[in-house]
N, C-alpha and C. Protein backbone atom coordinates (compact mmCIF):
# COMPACT_ATOMS: atom_id res chain seq x y z
N ILE A 1 79.34 87.87 97.59
CA ILE A 1 80.09 87.72 96.36
C ILE A 1 81.30 88.64 96.43
N ASN A 2 82.46 88.08 96.20
CA ASN A 2 83.70 88.85 96.22
C ASN A 2 84.08 89.22 94.79
N ASP A 3 83.53 90.30 94.29
CA ASP A 3 83.77 90.70 92.90
C ASP A 3 85.03 91.52 92.72
N ARG A 4 85.58 92.04 93.81
CA ARG A 4 86.79 92.87 93.73
C ARG A 4 87.74 92.49 94.85
N PHE A 5 89.02 92.58 94.52
CA PHE A 5 90.08 92.38 95.50
C PHE A 5 90.65 93.75 95.82
N TYR A 6 90.53 94.16 97.08
CA TYR A 6 90.96 95.50 97.46
C TYR A 6 91.58 95.50 98.84
N VAL A 7 92.17 96.63 99.20
CA VAL A 7 92.84 96.77 100.49
C VAL A 7 91.79 97.03 101.56
N PHE A 8 91.68 96.10 102.48
CA PHE A 8 90.77 96.21 103.62
C PHE A 8 91.64 96.47 104.85
N ALA A 9 91.42 97.59 105.52
CA ALA A 9 92.32 97.98 106.62
C ALA A 9 91.54 98.56 107.79
N GLY A 10 92.21 98.63 108.93
CA GLY A 10 91.64 99.22 110.12
C GLY A 10 91.65 100.74 110.07
N GLN A 11 91.12 101.36 111.09
CA GLN A 11 90.98 102.81 111.15
C GLN A 11 92.31 103.54 111.27
N ASN A 12 93.39 102.84 111.59
CA ASN A 12 94.69 103.48 111.74
C ASN A 12 95.43 103.65 110.41
N VAL A 13 94.84 103.18 109.31
CA VAL A 13 95.45 103.34 107.98
C VAL A 13 94.85 104.56 107.31
N GLY A 14 95.71 105.48 106.89
CA GLY A 14 95.24 106.71 106.27
C GLY A 14 95.09 106.61 104.77
N ARG A 15 96.11 106.07 104.08
CA ARG A 15 96.11 106.01 102.61
C ARG A 15 96.78 104.72 102.14
N VAL A 16 96.37 104.31 100.98
CA VAL A 16 97.08 103.26 100.27
C VAL A 16 97.90 103.99 99.22
N LEU A 17 99.20 103.94 99.38
CA LEU A 17 100.08 104.65 98.46
C LEU A 17 100.22 103.92 97.13
N LYS A 18 100.31 102.58 97.18
CA LYS A 18 100.43 101.77 95.97
C LYS A 18 99.73 100.43 96.21
N PHE A 19 99.07 99.94 95.19
CA PHE A 19 98.45 98.63 95.23
C PHE A 19 98.62 98.01 93.84
N LYS A 20 99.30 96.86 93.78
CA LYS A 20 99.61 96.23 92.50
C LYS A 20 99.31 94.74 92.57
N VAL A 21 98.89 94.21 91.42
CA VAL A 21 98.64 92.77 91.28
C VAL A 21 99.42 92.29 90.06
N PHE A 22 100.13 91.16 90.22
CA PHE A 22 100.97 90.59 89.17
C PHE A 22 100.55 89.16 88.89
N ASP A 23 100.75 88.71 87.65
CA ASP A 23 100.52 87.31 87.35
C ASP A 23 101.76 86.50 87.75
N ARG A 24 101.71 85.21 87.52
CA ARG A 24 102.82 84.36 88.00
C ARG A 24 104.11 84.56 87.23
N TRP A 25 104.05 85.25 86.10
CA TRP A 25 105.26 85.56 85.33
C TRP A 25 105.79 86.95 85.66
N GLY A 26 105.14 87.64 86.58
CA GLY A 26 105.60 88.96 87.00
C GLY A 26 105.04 90.10 86.19
N GLU A 27 104.10 89.83 85.31
CA GLU A 27 103.50 90.92 84.52
C GLU A 27 102.50 91.69 85.38
N LEU A 28 102.58 93.00 85.32
CA LEU A 28 101.68 93.85 86.07
C LEU A 28 100.28 93.75 85.48
N ILE A 29 99.32 93.30 86.28
CA ILE A 29 97.95 93.09 85.84
C ILE A 29 97.06 94.26 86.26
N PHE A 30 97.32 94.82 87.44
CA PHE A 30 96.49 95.90 87.98
C PHE A 30 97.37 96.81 88.82
N GLU A 31 97.07 98.12 88.77
CA GLU A 31 97.80 99.09 89.57
C GLU A 31 96.88 100.24 89.94
N ASN A 32 96.99 100.68 91.18
CA ASN A 32 96.25 101.85 91.65
C ASN A 32 97.12 102.53 92.70
N GLU A 33 97.02 103.85 92.79
CA GLU A 33 97.85 104.59 93.72
C GLU A 33 97.06 105.68 94.43
N ASN A 34 97.48 105.97 95.65
CA ASN A 34 97.01 107.11 96.44
C ASN A 34 95.49 107.16 96.58
N PHE A 35 94.95 106.20 97.33
CA PHE A 35 93.51 106.15 97.57
C PHE A 35 93.25 105.71 99.01
N SER A 36 92.04 105.90 99.46
CA SER A 36 91.65 105.50 100.81
C SER A 36 91.41 104.00 100.86
N PRO A 37 91.74 103.35 101.98
CA PRO A 37 91.49 101.92 102.11
C PRO A 37 89.99 101.64 102.24
N ASN A 38 89.63 100.39 102.11
CA ASN A 38 88.26 99.91 102.31
C ASN A 38 87.28 100.41 101.26
N GLU A 39 87.78 100.81 100.10
CA GLU A 39 86.92 101.24 99.00
C GLU A 39 86.98 100.17 97.91
N SER A 40 85.94 99.36 97.81
CA SER A 40 85.97 98.25 96.86
C SER A 40 86.13 98.73 95.42
N GLY A 41 85.64 99.91 95.10
CA GLY A 41 85.77 100.45 93.76
C GLY A 41 87.20 100.74 93.34
N GLN A 42 88.12 100.77 94.30
CA GLN A 42 89.53 101.02 94.02
C GLN A 42 90.31 99.72 93.80
N GLY A 43 89.61 98.59 93.89
CA GLY A 43 90.30 97.31 93.80
C GLY A 43 90.28 96.69 92.42
N TRP A 44 90.85 95.51 92.34
CA TRP A 44 90.99 94.75 91.09
C TRP A 44 89.75 93.90 90.89
N ASP A 45 89.21 93.92 89.67
CA ASP A 45 87.99 93.18 89.36
C ASP A 45 88.24 91.85 88.64
N GLY A 46 89.48 91.39 88.61
CA GLY A 46 89.80 90.11 87.98
C GLY A 46 89.98 90.21 86.48
N ARG A 47 90.14 91.42 85.98
CA ARG A 47 90.30 91.62 84.53
C ARG A 47 91.68 92.20 84.23
N PHE A 48 92.10 91.99 83.00
CA PHE A 48 93.32 92.61 82.49
C PHE A 48 93.01 93.12 81.10
N GLU A 49 93.21 94.41 80.90
CA GLU A 49 92.92 95.08 79.64
C GLU A 49 91.49 94.80 79.17
N GLY A 50 90.56 94.76 80.14
CA GLY A 50 89.14 94.58 79.84
C GLY A 50 88.67 93.15 79.72
N ASP A 51 89.59 92.18 79.68
CA ASP A 51 89.22 90.77 79.54
C ASP A 51 89.32 90.06 80.89
N LYS A 52 88.37 89.16 81.14
CA LYS A 52 88.40 88.36 82.36
C LYS A 52 89.62 87.44 82.35
N MET A 53 90.32 87.44 83.45
CA MET A 53 91.48 86.55 83.59
C MET A 53 91.00 85.14 83.90
N ASN A 54 91.79 84.15 83.47
CA ASN A 54 91.50 82.76 83.82
C ASN A 54 91.81 82.55 85.30
N PRO A 55 91.16 81.58 85.92
CA PRO A 55 91.47 81.28 87.32
C PRO A 55 92.95 80.97 87.49
N ALA A 56 93.54 81.56 88.51
CA ALA A 56 94.97 81.37 88.77
C ALA A 56 95.31 82.02 90.10
N VAL A 57 96.56 81.89 90.50
CA VAL A 57 97.07 82.56 91.69
C VAL A 57 97.84 83.79 91.24
N PHE A 58 97.58 84.92 91.89
CA PHE A 58 98.22 86.19 91.56
C PHE A 58 98.93 86.72 92.81
N VAL A 59 99.99 87.47 92.59
CA VAL A 59 100.76 88.06 93.68
C VAL A 59 100.35 89.52 93.81
N TRP A 60 100.19 89.99 95.04
CA TRP A 60 99.83 91.40 95.26
C TRP A 60 100.85 92.07 96.16
N PHE A 61 100.90 93.38 96.04
CA PHE A 61 101.83 94.23 96.77
C PHE A 61 101.07 95.50 97.15
N ALA A 62 101.17 95.90 98.40
CA ALA A 62 100.51 97.14 98.84
C ALA A 62 101.47 97.93 99.73
N GLU A 63 101.55 99.22 99.48
CA GLU A 63 102.31 100.13 100.32
C GLU A 63 101.29 101.04 100.99
N ILE A 64 101.20 100.93 102.31
CA ILE A 64 100.19 101.69 103.03
C ILE A 64 100.83 102.70 103.97
N GLU A 65 100.12 103.78 104.21
CA GLU A 65 100.60 104.81 105.13
C GLU A 65 99.62 104.91 106.29
N TYR A 66 100.14 104.75 107.49
CA TYR A 66 99.33 104.88 108.69
C TYR A 66 99.09 106.35 109.02
N LEU A 67 98.14 106.59 109.87
CA LEU A 67 97.82 107.97 110.26
C LEU A 67 99.00 108.68 110.92
N ASP A 68 99.88 107.92 111.56
CA ASP A 68 101.04 108.54 112.22
C ASP A 68 102.20 108.80 111.25
N GLY A 69 102.00 108.49 109.96
CA GLY A 69 103.03 108.73 108.95
C GLY A 69 103.91 107.54 108.63
N GLU A 70 103.83 106.48 109.43
CA GLU A 70 104.63 105.28 109.17
C GLU A 70 104.13 104.62 107.89
N VAL A 71 105.07 104.11 107.09
CA VAL A 71 104.74 103.42 105.84
C VAL A 71 105.14 101.96 105.97
N GLU A 72 104.26 101.08 105.52
CA GLU A 72 104.53 99.64 105.60
C GLU A 72 104.22 99.01 104.24
N VAL A 73 105.06 98.05 103.85
CA VAL A 73 104.86 97.30 102.62
C VAL A 73 104.30 95.92 102.98
N LEU A 74 103.21 95.57 102.36
CA LEU A 74 102.57 94.27 102.58
C LEU A 74 102.53 93.53 101.25
N LYS A 75 102.58 92.21 101.30
CA LYS A 75 102.51 91.43 100.07
C LYS A 75 101.94 90.06 100.37
N GLY A 76 101.43 89.43 99.33
CA GLY A 76 100.85 88.12 99.48
C GLY A 76 100.36 87.60 98.15
N ASP A 77 99.46 86.62 98.22
CA ASP A 77 98.88 86.10 96.99
C ASP A 77 97.38 85.99 97.15
N VAL A 78 96.72 85.96 96.00
CA VAL A 78 95.26 85.83 95.97
C VAL A 78 94.92 84.87 94.85
N THR A 79 93.93 84.01 95.09
CA THR A 79 93.49 83.05 94.10
C THR A 79 92.21 83.55 93.44
N LEU A 80 92.24 83.65 92.12
CA LEU A 80 91.06 84.04 91.37
C LEU A 80 90.31 82.79 90.95
N VAL A 81 89.04 82.70 91.32
CA VAL A 81 88.18 81.59 90.92
C VAL A 81 86.96 82.16 90.22
N ARG A 82 86.41 81.43 89.32
CA ARG A 82 85.22 81.88 88.58
C ARG A 82 84.15 80.82 88.69
């Protein structure tokens, strides 16, 4: 069961500097900063202000820092289904 959407990364990623999820109108739905990757508790649970979101496609943005100090911006979309 995929109850949370979170940053899943390899061992060469040190920190997630920013992780954001937006709806199709560009409204910020979820935001988290400065955490370790691969921690499901740091991810989005499909809710906004405590209410379950309707199924839809959402855009995500992540700024990650590798162990060597390099920073990379990643982005994509995720489909929420219930």
